[in-house]
């Protein structure tokens, strides 16, 4: 039982970090958007994709890291004065 709780905790932390990276770490809206994407893929699309939701989440993660280094929210939010240009 203890191992199951530890695994569940680690998966929760992993999903939270995944949501922040996908959405963007600089804003609350980015994290909320990332969480919406993670929940949508994990809970809604995964059964329709034959259980391949984790694969889709991995692809979204890789695409977000390479194509949107500031996350989805970083595409619309103005850059902070203190943040260096890419």
Protein backbone atom coordinates (compact mmCIF):
# COMPACT_ATOMS: atom_id res chain seq x y z
CA UNK A 1 0.00 0.00 0.00
CA UNK A 2 2.84 2.38 0.82
CA UNK A 3 4.52 1.81 -2.54
CA UNK A 4 1.26 2.61 -4.31
CA UNK A 5 0.99 5.94 -2.48
CA UNK A 6 4.59 6.80 -3.33
CA UNK A 7 4.02 6.03 -7.00
CA UNK A 8 0.81 8.05 -7.04
CA UNK A 9 2.62 11.00 -5.44
CA UNK A 10 5.45 10.83 -7.98
CA UNK A 11 3.02 10.67 -10.88
CA UNK A 12 1.14 13.68 -9.52
CA UNK A 13 4.36 15.67 -9.24
CA UNK A 14 5.34 14.61 -12.77
CA UNK A 15 1.98 15.74 -14.18
CA UNK A 16 2.24 19.08 -12.37
CA UNK A 17 5.73 19.70 -13.75
CA UNK A 18 4.59 18.62 -17.20
CA UNK A 19 1.68 21.07 -17.04
CA UNK A 20 3.96 23.94 -16.02
CA UNK A 21 6.48 23.23 -18.77
CA UNK A 22 3.80 22.91 -21.45
CA UNK A 23 1.86 25.97 -20.33
CA UNK A 24 4.73 28.23 -19.39
CA UNK A 25 6.37 28.78 -16.05
CA UNK A 26 6.05 32.55 -15.91
CA UNK A 27 2.33 32.90 -15.30
CA UNK A 28 -0.59 31.35 -13.50
CA UNK A 29 -2.55 31.27 -16.77
CA UNK A 30 0.21 29.31 -18.45
CA UNK A 31 0.22 26.67 -15.73
CA UNK A 32 -3.59 26.48 -15.88
CA UNK A 33 -3.47 26.08 -19.66
CA UNK A 34 -0.82 23.39 -19.34
CA UNK A 35 -2.91 21.58 -16.73
CA UNK A 36 -5.92 21.71 -19.05
CA UNK A 37 -3.85 20.16 -21.85
CA UNK A 38 -2.51 17.41 -19.58
CA UNK A 39 -5.97 16.54 -18.20
CA UNK A 40 -7.54 16.63 -21.66
CA UNK A 41 -4.96 14.28 -23.15
CA UNK A 42 -4.74 11.99 -20.11
CA UNK A 43 -8.45 11.65 -19.33
CA UNK A 44 -10.30 12.36 -22.57
CA UNK A 45 -8.04 11.46 -25.48
CA UNK A 46 -6.11 8.54 -24.01
CA UNK A 47 -9.05 6.08 -24.11
CA UNK A 48 -9.83 7.13 -27.68
CA UNK A 49 -6.20 6.64 -28.69
CA UNK A 50 -6.05 3.11 -27.36
CA UNK A 51 -4.15 4.03 -24.21
CA UNK A 52 -1.49 6.04 -26.03
CA UNK A 53 -2.15 9.18 -23.99
CA UNK A 54 1.29 9.12 -22.33
CA UNK A 55 2.90 8.96 -25.77
CA UNK A 56 0.88 11.98 -26.91
CA UNK A 57 1.80 13.85 -23.71
CA UNK A 58 5.44 13.07 -24.37
CA UNK A 59 5.19 14.41 -27.91
CA UNK A 60 3.42 17.56 -26.69
CA UNK A 61 6.16 18.00 -24.06
CA UNK A 62 8.97 17.65 -26.60
CA UNK A 63 7.21 20.02 -29.02
CA UNK A 64 6.65 22.58 -26.25
CA UNK A 65 10.29 22.45 -25.15
CA UNK A 66 11.69 22.81 -28.67
CA UNK A 67 9.12 25.02 -30.37
CA UNK A 68 7.78 27.05 -27.44
CA UNK A 69 10.58 27.37 -24.87
CA UNK A 70 8.43 29.80 -22.86
CA UNK A 71 5.37 27.53 -23.06
CA UNK A 72 2.00 28.19 -24.65
CA UNK A 73 1.45 31.27 -22.51
CA UNK A 74 4.78 32.70 -23.64
CA UNK A 75 3.46 33.09 -27.17
CA UNK A 76 0.89 35.71 -26.10
CA UNK A 77 2.27 37.32 -22.97
CA UNK A 78 4.69 40.24 -23.23
CA UNK A 79 8.19 39.59 -22.01
CA UNK A 80 9.23 40.93 -18.63
CA UNK A 81 11.75 43.76 -18.54
CA UNK A 82 14.03 41.61 -16.38
CA UNK A 83 13.98 38.59 -18.65
CA UNK A 84 16.82 38.42 -21.20
CA UNK A 85 15.98 38.12 -24.88
CA UNK A 86 16.36 34.61 -26.37
